[in-house]
Amino acid sequence: MFAIGALVLVGVYFATLPSDEPQPQPQPQSQPEATLEEGGDQPGPYLDIVVEGEGANGTITIDLMQQLAPGHVERVMTLAQQGLYDDVVFHRVIEGFM
């Protein structure tokens, strides 16, 4: 029984030794170039938010920038179509802040 345990330990030891072969380095992925078509000189992605109506019953419209964040836009659109944002309460909508 001792011999089997010793063989297992030796096998695990040799299996975990580092390889002499150099490991390939991950290549950096190129990012799409972001451009601003609207919004002047604002740095990076931003949102255009329009609030229609007064009080708690207003409608919030958010323009998503597909060319700046395509994956995020796709995910938000999918969640919105599934109804995730229906009846969500937005807080602290401050003019010029959000």
PDB file of N, CA and C in Angstrom:
ATOM      1  N   MET A   1       0.818  -1.182   0.000  1.00  0.00           N
ATOM      2  CA  MET A   1       0.000   0.000   0.000  1.00  0.00           C
ATOM      3  C   MET A   1       0.871   1.259   0.000  1.00  0.00           C
ATOM      4  N   PHE A   2       1.974   1.193   0.790  1.00  0.00           N
ATOM      5  CA  PHE A   2       2.897   2.310   0.848  1.00  0.00           C
ATOM      6  C   PHE A   2       3.503   2.590  -0.525  1.00  0.00           C
ATOM      7  N   ALA A   3       3.827   1.532  -1.267  1.00  0.00           N
ATOM      8  CA  ALA A   3       4.440   1.675  -2.587  1.00  0.00           C
ATOM      9  C   ALA A   3       3.492   2.376  -3.553  1.00  0.00           C
ATOM     10  N   ILE A   4       2.211   2.061  -3.494  1.00  0.00           N
ATOM     11  CA  ILE A   4       1.234   2.698  -4.389  1.00  0.00           C
ATOM     12  C   ILE A   4       1.119   4.184  -4.055  1.00  0.00           C
ATOM     13  N   GLY A   5       1.072   4.506  -2.766  1.00  0.00           N
ATOM     14  CA  GLY A   5       1.002   5.912  -2.349  1.00  0.00           C
ATOM     15  C   GLY A   5       2.229   6.681  -2.788  1.00  0.00           C
ATOM     16  N   ALA A   6       3.409   6.049  -2.657  1.00  0.00           N
ATOM     17  CA  ALA A   6       4.646   6.696  -3.070  1.00  0.00           C
ATOM     18  C   ALA A   6       4.656   6.929  -4.576  1.00  0.00           C
ATOM     19  N   LEU A   7       4.190   5.951  -5.355  1.00  0.00           N
ATOM     20  CA  LEU A   7       4.129   6.117  -6.813  1.00  0.00           C
ATOM     21  C   LEU A   7       3.185   7.253  -7.202  1.00  0.00           C
ATOM     22  N   VAL A   8       2.064   7.348  -6.520  1.00  0.00           N
ATOM     23  CA  VAL A   8       1.110   8.430  -6.807  1.00  0.00           C
ATOM     24  C   VAL A   8       1.745   9.782  -6.514  1.00  0.00           C
ATOM     25  N   LEU A   9       2.419   9.905  -5.378  1.00  0.00           N
ATOM     26  CA  LEU A   9       3.068  11.168  -5.028  1.00  0.00           C
ATOM     27  C   LEU A   9       4.161  11.539  -6.022  1.00  0.00           C
ATOM     28  N   VAL A  10       4.966  10.571  -6.441  1.00  0.00           N
ATOM     29  CA  VAL A  10       6.016  10.833  -7.428  1.00  0.00           C
ATOM     30  C   VAL A  10       5.392  11.256  -8.759  1.00  0.00           C
ATOM     31  N   GLY A  11       4.302  10.597  -9.143  1.00  0.00           N
ATOM     32  CA  GLY A  11       3.620  10.957 -10.392  1.00  0.00           C
ATOM     33  C   GLY A  11       3.066  12.374 -10.346  1.00  0.00           C
ATOM     34  N   VAL A  12       2.464  12.750  -9.221  1.00  0.00           N
ATOM     35  CA  VAL A  12       1.935  14.109  -9.068  1.00  0.00           C
ATOM     36  C   VAL A  12       3.072  15.121  -9.103  1.00  0.00           C
ATOM     37  N   TYR A  13       4.188  14.793  -8.459  1.00  0.00           N
ATOM     38  CA  TYR A  13       5.336  15.689  -8.453  1.00  0.00           C
ATOM     39  C   TYR A  13       5.817  15.969  -9.876  1.00  0.00           C
ATOM     40  N   PHE A  14       6.015  14.928 -10.667  1.00  0.00           N
ATOM     41  CA  PHE A  14       6.514  15.110 -12.027  1.00  0.00           C
ATOM     42  C   PHE A  14       5.466  15.755 -12.939  1.00  0.00           C
ATOM     43  N   ALA A  15       4.219  15.531 -12.657  1.00  0.00           N
ATOM     44  CA  ALA A  15       3.171  16.130 -13.482  1.00  0.00           C
ATOM     45  C   ALA A  15       3.071  17.635 -13.263  1.00  0.00           C
ATOM     46  N   THR A  16       3.500  18.110 -12.093  1.00  0.00           N
ATOM     47  CA  THR A  16       3.380  19.535 -11.795  1.00  0.00           C
ATOM     48  C   THR A  16       4.663  20.314 -12.023  1.00  0.00           C
ATOM     49  N   LEU A  17       5.721  19.656 -12.481  1.00  0.00           N
ATOM     50  CA  LEU A  17       6.957  20.371 -12.787  1.00  0.00           C
ATOM     51  C   LEU A  17       6.729  21.304 -13.971  1.00  0.00           C
ATOM     52  N   PRO A  18       7.354  22.492 -13.938  1.00  0.00           N
ATOM     53  CA  PRO A  18       7.194  23.407 -15.073  1.00  0.00           C
ATOM     54  C   PRO A  18       7.864  22.852 -16.325  1.00  0.00           C
ATOM     55  N   SER A  19       7.293  23.162 -17.440  1.00  0.00           N
ATOM     56  CA  SER A  19       7.805  22.711 -18.728  1.00  0.00           C
ATOM     57  C   SER A  19       9.004  23.560 -19.132  1.00  0.00           C
ATOM     58  N   ASP A  20       9.937  22.970 -19.890  1.00  0.00           N
ATOM     59  CA  ASP A  20      11.078  23.717 -20.407  1.00  0.00           C
ATOM     60  C   ASP A  20      10.694  24.552 -21.618  1.00  0.00           C
ATOM     61  N   GLU A  21       9.550  24.253 -22.217  1.00  0.00           N
ATOM     62  CA  GLU A  21       9.118  24.991 -23.397  1.00  0.00           C
ATOM     63  C   GLU A  21       8.583  26.357 -22.983  1.00  0.00           C
ATOM     64  N   PRO A  22       8.937  27.397 -23.742  1.00  0.00           N
ATOM     65  CA  PRO A  22       8.415  28.725 -23.402  1.00  0.00           C
ATOM     66  C   PRO A  22       6.896  28.776 -23.619  1.00  0.00           C
ATOM     67  N   GLN A  23       6.219  29.415 -22.697  1.00  0.00           N
ATOM     68  CA  GLN A  23       4.770  29.546 -22.791  1.00  0.00           C
ATOM     69  C   GLN A  23       4.429  30.716 -23.713  1.00  0.00           C
ATOM     70  N   PRO A  24       3.437  30.541 -24.578  1.00  0.00           N
ATOM     71  CA  PRO A  24       3.056  31.652 -25.462  1.00  0.00           C
ATOM     72  C   PRO A  24       2.442  32.787 -24.651  1.00  0.00           C
ATOM     73  N   GLN A  25       2.818  33.996 -25.006  1.00  0.00           N
ATOM     74  CA  GLN A  25       2.283  35.179 -24.338  1.00  0.00           C
ATOM     75  C   GLN A  25       0.988  35.598 -25.019  1.00  0.00           C
ATOM     76  N   PRO A  26      -0.032  35.953 -24.257  1.00  0.00           N
ATOM     77  CA  PRO A  26      -1.282  36.397 -24.884  1.00  0.00           C
ATOM     78  C   PRO A  26      -1.061  37.696 -25.649  1.00  0.00           C
ATOM     79  N   GLN A  27      -1.635  37.748 -26.831  1.00  0.00           N
ATOM     80  CA  GLN A  27      -1.510  38.930 -27.668  1.00  0.00           C
ATOM     81  C   GLN A  27      -2.582  39.942 -27.282  1.00  0.00           C
ATOM     82  N   PRO A  28      -2.211  41.214 -27.164  1.00  0.00           N
ATOM     83  CA  PRO A  28      -3.234  42.214 -26.845  1.00  0.00           C
ATOM     84  C   PRO A  28      -4.233  42.315 -27.990  1.00  0.00           C
ATOM     85  N   GLN A  29      -5.502  42.383 -27.625  1.00  0.00           N
ATOM     86  CA  GLN A  29      -6.540  42.493 -28.641  1.00  0.00           C
ATOM     87  C   GLN A  29      -6.708  43.951 -29.031  1.00  0.00           C
ATOM     88  N   SER A  30      -6.880  44.167 -30.307  1.00  0.00           N
ATOM     89  CA  SER A  30      -7.057  45.537 -30.764  1.00  0.00           C
ATOM     90  C   SER A  30      -8.459  46.015 -30.415  1.00  0.00           C
ATOM     91  N   GLN A  31      -8.554  47.247 -30.000  1.00  0.00           N
ATOM     92  CA  GLN A  31      -9.825  47.858 -29.643  1.00  0.00           C
ATOM     93  C   GLN A  31     -10.292  48.728 -30.805  1.00  0.00           C
ATOM     94  N   PRO A  32     -11.606  48.724 -31.071  1.00  0.00           N
ATOM     95  CA  PRO A  32     -12.091  49.609 -32.123  1.00  0.00           C
ATOM     96  C   PRO A  32     -11.875  51.057 -31.712  1.00  0.00           C
ATOM     97  N   GLU A  33     -11.538  51.873 -32.680  1.00  0.00           N
ATOM     98  CA  GLU A  33     -11.291  53.275 -32.402  1.00  0.00           C
ATOM     99  C   GLU A  33     -12.606  53.987 -32.126  1.00  0.00           C
ATOM    100  N   ALA A  34     -12.674  54.653 -30.992  1.00  0.00           N
ATOM    101  CA  ALA A  34     -13.893  55.377 -30.620  1.00  0.00           C
ATOM    102  C   ALA A  34     -13.838  56.777 -31.207  1.00  0.00           C
ATOM    103  N   THR A  35     -14.915  57.184 -31.793  1.00  0.00           N
ATOM    104  CA  THR A  35     -15.012  58.528 -32.339  1.00  0.00           C
ATOM    105  C   THR A  35     -16.258  59.192 -31.792  1.00  0.00           C
ATOM    106  N   LEU A  36     -16.212  60.489 -31.711  1.00  0.00           N
ATOM    107  CA  LEU A  36     -17.362  61.250 -31.248  1.00  0.00           C
ATOM    108  C   LEU A  36     -18.051  61.880 -32.448  1.00  0.00           C
ATOM    109  N   GLU A  37     -19.291  61.535 -32.643  1.00  0.00           N
ATOM    110  CA  GLU A  37     -20.057  62.169 -33.708  1.00  0.00           C
ATOM    111  C   GLU A  37     -20.940  63.272 -33.148  1.00  0.00           C
ATOM    112  N   GLU A  38     -21.272  63.154 -31.865  1.00  0.00           N
ATOM    113  CA  GLU A  38     -22.097  64.147 -31.203  1.00  0.00           C
ATOM    114  C   GLU A  38     -21.435  64.500 -29.888  1.00  0.00           C
ATOM    115  N   GLY A  39     -21.901  65.563 -29.271  1.00  0.00           N
ATOM    116  CA  GLY A  39     -21.457  65.868 -27.925  1.00  0.00           C
ATOM    117  C   GLY A  39     -20.200  66.703 -27.837  1.00  0.00           C
ATOM    118  N   GLY A  40     -19.708  67.226 -28.922  1.00  0.00           N
ATOM    119  CA  GLY A  40     -18.570  68.122 -28.875  1.00  0.00           C
ATOM    120  C   GLY A  40     -17.297  67.446 -28.410  1.00  0.00           C
ATOM    121  N   ASP A  41     -16.659  68.064 -27.416  1.00  0.00           N
ATOM    122  CA  ASP A  41     -15.356  67.587 -26.974  1.00  0.00           C
ATOM    123  C   ASP A  41     -15.421  66.732 -25.713  1.00  0.00           C
ATOM    124  N   GLN A  42     -16.543  66.085 -25.462  1.00  0.00           N
ATOM    125  CA  GLN A  42     -16.654  65.227 -24.287  1.00  0.00           C
ATOM    126  C   GLN A  42     -15.728  64.024 -24.448  1.00  0.00           C
ATOM    127  N   PRO A  43     -14.966  63.697 -23.409  1.00  0.00           N
ATOM    128  CA  PRO A  43     -14.059  62.548 -23.515  1.00  0.00           C
ATOM    129  C   PRO A  43     -14.790  61.234 -23.312  1.00  0.00           C
ATOM    130  N   GLY A  44     -14.597  60.306 -24.216  1.00  0.00           N
ATOM    131  CA  GLY A  44     -15.128  58.958 -24.058  1.00  0.00           C
ATOM    132  C   GLY A  44     -16.631  58.847 -24.204  1.00  0.00           C
ATOM    133  N   PRO A  45     -17.156  57.676 -23.889  1.00  0.00           N
ATOM    134  CA  PRO A  45     -18.596  57.436 -24.019  1.00  0.00           C
ATOM    135  C   PRO A  45     -19.403  58.319 -23.077  1.00  0.00           C
ATOM    136  N   TYR A  46     -20.574  58.661 -23.509  1.00  0.00           N
ATOM    137  CA  TYR A  46     -21.478  59.474 -22.716  1.00  0.00           C
ATOM    138  C   TYR A  46     -22.900  59.109 -23.088  1.00  0.00           C
ATOM    139  N   LEU A  47     -23.842  59.586 -22.321  1.00  0.00           N
ATOM    140  CA  LEU A  47     -25.256  59.328 -22.581  1.00  0.00           C
ATOM    141  C   LEU A  47     -25.969  60.636 -22.860  1.00  0.00           C
ATOM    142  N   ASP A  48     -26.895  60.608 -23.787  1.00  0.00           N
ATOM    143  CA  ASP A  48     -27.835  61.703 -23.970  1.00  0.00           C
ATOM    144  C   ASP A  48     -29.127  61.254 -23.324  1.00  0.00           C
ATOM    145  N   ILE A  49     -29.553  61.949 -22.272  1.00  0.00           N
ATOM    146  CA  ILE A  49     -30.754  61.565 -21.539  1.00  0.00           C
ATOM    147  C   ILE A  49     -31.796  62.661 -21.693  1.00  0.00           C
ATOM    148  N   VAL A  50     -33.001  62.267 -22.044  1.00  0.00           N
ATOM    149  CA  VAL A  50     -34.122  63.189 -22.180  1.00  0.00           C
ATOM    150  C   VAL A  50     -35.217  62.717 -21.238  1.00  0.00           C
ATOM    151  N   VAL A  51     -35.741  63.635 -20.427  1.00  0.00           N
ATOM    152  CA  VAL A  51     -36.833  63.305 -19.513  1.00  0.00           C
ATOM    153  C   VAL A  51     -38.085  64.004 -20.013  1.00  0.00           C
ATOM    154  N   GLU A  52     -39.133  63.231 -20.234  1.00  0.00           N
ATOM    155  CA  GLU A  52     -40.415  63.770 -20.688  1.00  0.00           C
ATOM    156  C   GLU A  52     -41.425  63.620 -19.567  1.00  0.00           C
ATOM    157  N   GLY A  53     -42.145  64.685 -19.258  1.00  0.00           N
ATOM    158  CA  GLY A  53     -43.149  64.627 -18.200  1.00  0.00           C
ATOM    159  C   GLY A  53     -42.574  65.114 -16.889  1.00  0.00           C
ATOM    160  N   GLU A  54     -43.444  65.260 -15.918  1.00  0.00           N
ATOM    161  CA  GLU A  54     -43.045  65.764 -14.606  1.00  0.00           C
ATOM    162  C   GLU A  54     -43.291  64.714 -13.541  1.00  0.00           C
ATOM    163  N   GLY A  55     -42.530  64.778 -12.483  1.00  0.00           N
ATOM    164  CA  GLY A  55     -42.764  63.908 -11.342  1.00  0.00           C
ATOM    165  C   GLY A  55     -42.407  62.463 -11.610  1.00  0.00           C
ATOM    166  N   ALA A  56     -43.099  61.581 -10.902  1.00  0.00           N
ATOM    167  CA  ALA A  56     -42.771  60.158 -10.937  1.00  0.00           C
ATOM    168  C   ALA A  56     -43.260  59.456 -12.187  1.00  0.00           C
ATOM    169  N   ASN A  57     -44.071  60.109 -13.003  1.00  0.00           N
ATOM    170  CA  ASN A  57     -44.647  59.434 -14.163  1.00  0.00           C
ATOM    171  C   ASN A  57     -43.975  59.820 -15.473  1.00  0.00           C
ATOM    172  N   GLY A  58     -42.837  60.445 -15.417  1.00  0.00           N
ATOM    173  CA  GLY A  58     -42.155  60.844 -16.638  1.00  0.00           C
ATOM    174  C   GLY A  58     -41.505  59.662 -17.332  1.00  0.00           C
ATOM    175  N   THR A  59     -41.137  59.879 -18.585  1.00  0.00           N
ATOM    176  CA  THR A  59     -40.448  58.857 -19.374  1.00  0.00           C
ATOM    177  C   THR A  59     -39.006  59.287 -19.559  1.00  0.00           C
ATOM    178  N   ILE A  60     -38.084  58.381 -19.322  1.00  0.00           N
ATOM    179  CA  ILE A  60     -36.665  58.676 -19.514  1.00  0.00           C
ATOM    180  C   ILE A  60     -36.210  57.993 -20.791  1.00  0.00           C
ATOM    181  N   THR A  61     -35.651  58.780 -21.696  1.00  0.00           N
ATOM    182  CA  THR A  61     -35.117  58.256 -22.952  1.00  0.00           C
ATOM    183  C   THR A  61     -33.599  58.374 -22.900  1.00  0.00           C
ATOM    184  N   ILE A  62     -32.912  57.271 -23.125  1.00  0.00           N
ATOM    185  CA  ILE A  62     -31.453  57.255 -23.101  1.00  0.00           C
ATOM    186  C   ILE A  62     -30.962  56.839 -24.478  1.00  0.00           C
ATOM    187  N   ASP A  63     -30.164  57.701 -25.107  1.00  0.00           N
ATOM    188  CA  ASP A  63     -29.557  57.373 -26.399  1.00  0.00           C
ATOM    189  C   ASP A  63     -28.241  56.652 -26.135  1.00  0.00           C
ATOM    190  N   LEU A  64     -28.140  55.428 -26.597  1.00  0.00           N
ATOM    191  CA  LEU A  64     -26.923  54.642 -26.425  1.00  0.00           C
ATOM    192  C   LEU A  64     -26.037  54.802 -27.656  1.00  0.00           C
ATOM    193  N   MET A  65     -24.746  54.894 -27.453  1.00  0.00           N
ATOM    194  CA  MET A  65     -23.796  55.140 -28.535  1.00  0.00           C
ATOM    195  C   MET A  65     -23.209  53.818 -29.039  1.00  0.00           C
ATOM    196  N   GLN A  66     -23.844  53.232 -30.044  1.00  0.00           N
ATOM    197  CA  GLN A  66     -23.448  51.938 -30.608  1.00  0.00           C
ATOM    198  C   GLN A  66     -21.988  51.932 -31.055  1.00  0.00           C
ATOM    199  N   GLN A  67     -21.527  53.019 -31.662  1.00  0.00           N
ATOM    200  CA  GLN A  67     -20.168  53.050 -32.200  1.00  0.00           C
ATOM    201  C   GLN A  67     -19.110  53.109 -31.099  1.00  0.00           C
ATOM    202  N   LEU A  68     -19.487  53.520 -29.890  1.00  0.00           N
ATOM    203  CA  LEU A  68     -18.513  53.628 -28.806  1.00  0.00           C
ATOM    204  C   LEU A  68     -18.495  52.411 -27.884  1.00  0.00           C
ATOM    205  N   ALA A  69     -19.647  51.736 -27.738  1.00  0.00           N
ATOM    206  CA  ALA A  69     -19.727  50.590 -26.822  1.00  0.00           C
ATOM    207  C   ALA A  69     -20.715  49.564 -27.363  1.00  0.00           C
ATOM    208  N   PRO A  70     -20.368  48.886 -28.457  1.00  0.00           N
ATOM    209  CA  PRO A  70     -21.335  47.987 -29.102  1.00  0.00           C
ATOM    210  C   PRO A  70     -21.798  46.834 -28.217  1.00  0.00           C
ATOM    211  N   GLY A  71     -20.924  46.245 -27.437  1.00  0.00           N
ATOM    212  CA  GLY A  71     -21.320  45.137 -26.571  1.00  0.00           C
ATOM    213  C   GLY A  71     -22.272  45.586 -25.475  1.00  0.00           C
ATOM    214  N   HIS A  72     -21.990  46.738 -24.894  1.00  0.00           N
ATOM    215  CA  HIS A  72     -22.846  47.268 -23.834  1.00  0.00           C
ATOM    216  C   HIS A  72     -24.224  47.628 -24.383  1.00  0.00           C
ATOM    217  N   VAL A  73     -24.249  48.260 -25.541  1.00  0.00           N
ATOM    218  CA  VAL A  73     -25.525  48.636 -26.149  1.00  0.00           C
ATOM    219  C   VAL A  73     -26.364  47.395 -26.428  1.00  0.00           C
ATOM    220  N   GLU A  74     -25.743  46.358 -26.967  1.00  0.00           N
ATOM    221  CA  GLU A  74     -26.474  45.121 -27.263  1.00  0.00           C
ATOM    222  C   GLU A  74     -27.056  44.510 -25.990  1.00  0.00           C
ATOM    223  N   ARG A  75     -26.272  44.496 -24.914  1.00  0.00           N
ATOM    224  CA  ARG A  75     -26.742  43.913 -23.650  1.00  0.00           C
ATOM    225  C   ARG A  75     -27.890  44.729 -23.050  1.00  0.00           C
ATOM    226  N   VAL A  76     -27.757  46.045 -23.045  1.00  0.00           N
ATOM    227  CA  VAL A  76     -28.813  46.906 -22.500  1.00  0.00           C
ATOM    228  C   VAL A  76     -30.090  46.757 -23.312  1.00  0.00           C
ATOM    229  N   MET A  77     -29.972  46.694 -24.633  1.00  0.00           N
ATOM    230  CA  MET A  77     -31.158  46.533 -25.486  1.00  0.00           C
ATOM    231  C   MET A  77     -31.843  45.196 -25.211  1.00  0.00           C
ATOM    232  N   THR A  78     -31.066  44.135 -25.052  1.00  0.00           N
ATOM    233  CA  THR A  78     -31.642  42.818 -24.756  1.00  0.00           C
ATOM    234  C   THR A  78     -32.391  42.842 -23.430  1.00  0.00           C
ATOM    235  N   LEU A  79     -31.781  43.424 -22.412  1.00  0.00           N
ATOM    236  CA  LEU A  79     -32.429  43.494 -21.104  1.00  0.00           C
ATOM    237  C   LEU A  79     -33.682  44.363 -21.146  1.00  0.00           C
ATOM    238  N   ALA A  80     -33.640  45.453 -21.905  1.00  0.00           N
ATOM    239  CA  ALA A  80     -34.815  46.322 -22.016  1.00  0.00           C
ATOM    240  C   ALA A  80     -35.955  45.602 -22.721  1.00  0.00           C
ATOM    241  N   GLN A  81     -35.644  44.845 -23.765  1.00  0.00           N
ATOM    242  CA  GLN A  81     -36.681  44.103 -24.481  1.00  0.00           C
ATOM    243  C   GLN A  81     -37.275  42.996 -23.614  1.00  0.00           C
ATOM    244  N   GLN A  82     -36.507  42.489 -22.660  1.00  0.00           N
ATOM    245  CA  GLN A  82     -37.011  41.473 -21.739  1.00  0.00           C
ATOM    246  C   GLN A  82     -37.830  42.093 -20.604  1.00  0.00           C
ATOM    247  N   GLY A  83     -37.877  43.425 -20.545  1.00  0.00           N
ATOM    248  CA  GLY A  83     -38.677  44.112 -19.538  1.00  0.00           C
ATOM    249  C   GLY A  83     -37.960  44.375 -18.232  1.00  0.00           C
ATOM    250  N   LEU A  84     -36.647  44.187 -18.190  1.00  0.00           N
ATOM    251  CA  LEU A  84     -35.908  44.364 -16.948  1.00  0.00           C
ATOM    252  C   LEU A  84     -36.011  45.791 -16.407  1.00  0.00           C
ATOM    253  N   TYR A  85     -36.096  46.777 -17.287  1.00  0.00           N
ATOM    254  CA  TYR A  85     -36.109  48.169 -16.848  1.00  0.00           C
ATOM    255  C   TYR A  85     -37.520  48.733 -16.699  1.00  0.00           C
ATOM    256  N   ASP A  86     -38.552  47.933 -16.941  1.00  0.00           N
ATOM    257  CA  ASP A  86     -39.929  48.406 -16.776  1.00  0.00           C
ATOM    258  C   ASP A  86     -40.178  48.751 -15.310  1.00  0.00           C
ATOM    259  N   ASP A  87     -40.782  49.893 -15.081  1.00  0.00           N
ATOM    260  CA  ASP A  87     -41.149  50.364 -13.736  1.00  0.00           C
ATOM    261  C   ASP A  87     -39.958  50.529 -12.795  1.00  0.00           C
ATOM    262  N   VAL A  88     -38.768  50.753 -13.345  1.00  0.00           N
ATOM    263  CA  VAL A  88     -37.591  51.010 -12.520  1.00  0.00           C
ATOM    264  C   VAL A  88     -37.600  52.484 -12.122  1.00  0.00           C
ATOM    265  N   VAL A  89     -37.343  52.768 -10.856  1.00  0.00           N
ATOM    266  CA  VAL A  89     -37.321  54.137 -10.356  1.00  0.00           C
ATOM    267  C   VAL A  89     -35.903  54.685 -10.507  1.00  0.00           C
ATOM    268  N   PHE A  90     -35.784  55.848 -11.140  1.00  0.00           N
ATOM    269  CA  PHE A  90     -34.501  56.526 -11.274  1.00  0.00           C
ATOM    270  C   PHE A  90     -34.433  57.626 -10.228  1.00  0.00           C
ATOM    271  N   HIS A  91     -33.318  57.721  -9.535  1.00  0.00           N
ATOM    272  CA  HIS A  91     -33.131  58.714  -8.485  1.00  0.00           C
ATOM    273  C   HIS A  91     -32.056  59.713  -8.889  1.00  0.00           C
ATOM    274  N   ARG A  92     -32.115  60.859  -8.282  1.00  0.00           N
ATOM    275  CA  ARG A  92     -31.090  61.898  -8.408  1.00  0.00           C
ATOM    276  C   ARG A  92     -30.799  62.274  -9.846  1.00  0.00           C
ATOM    277  N   VAL A  93     -31.816  62.538 -10.620  1.00  0.00           N
ATOM    278  CA  VAL A  93     -31.608  63.048 -11.966  1.00  0.00           C
ATOM    279  C   VAL A  93     -31.374  64.545 -11.820  1.00  0.00           C
ATOM    280  N   ILE A  94     -30.130  64.945 -11.931  1.00  0.00           N
ATOM    281  CA  ILE A  94     -29.742  66.334 -11.724  1.00  0.00           C
ATOM    282  C   ILE A  94     -29.334  66.916 -13.066  1.00  0.00           C
ATOM    283  N   GLU A  95     -29.920  68.050 -13.434  1.00  0.00           N
ATOM    284  CA  GLU A  95     -29.614  68.670 -14.720  1.00  0.00           C
ATOM    285  C   GLU A  95     -28.115  68.960 -14.808  1.00  0.00           C
ATOM    286  N   GLY A  96     -27.519  68.541 -15.914  1.00  0.00           N
ATOM    287  CA  GLY A  96     -26.102  68.761 -16.133  1.00  0.00           C
ATOM    288  C   GLY A  96     -25.190  67.773 -15.418  1.00  0.00           C
ATOM    289  N   PHE A  97     -25.770  66.856 -14.629  1.00  0.00           N
ATOM    290  CA  PHE A  97     -24.948  65.891 -13.892  1.00  0.00           C
ATOM    291  C   PHE A  97     -24.980  64.522 -14.527  1.00  0.00           C
ATOM    292  N   MET A  98     -26.166  64.086 -14.936  1.00  0.00           N
ATOM    293  CA  MET A  98     -26.306  62.745 -15.490  1.00  0.00           C
ATOM    294  C   MET A  98     -26.788  62.836 -16.917  1.00  0.00           C
TER     295      MET A  98
END
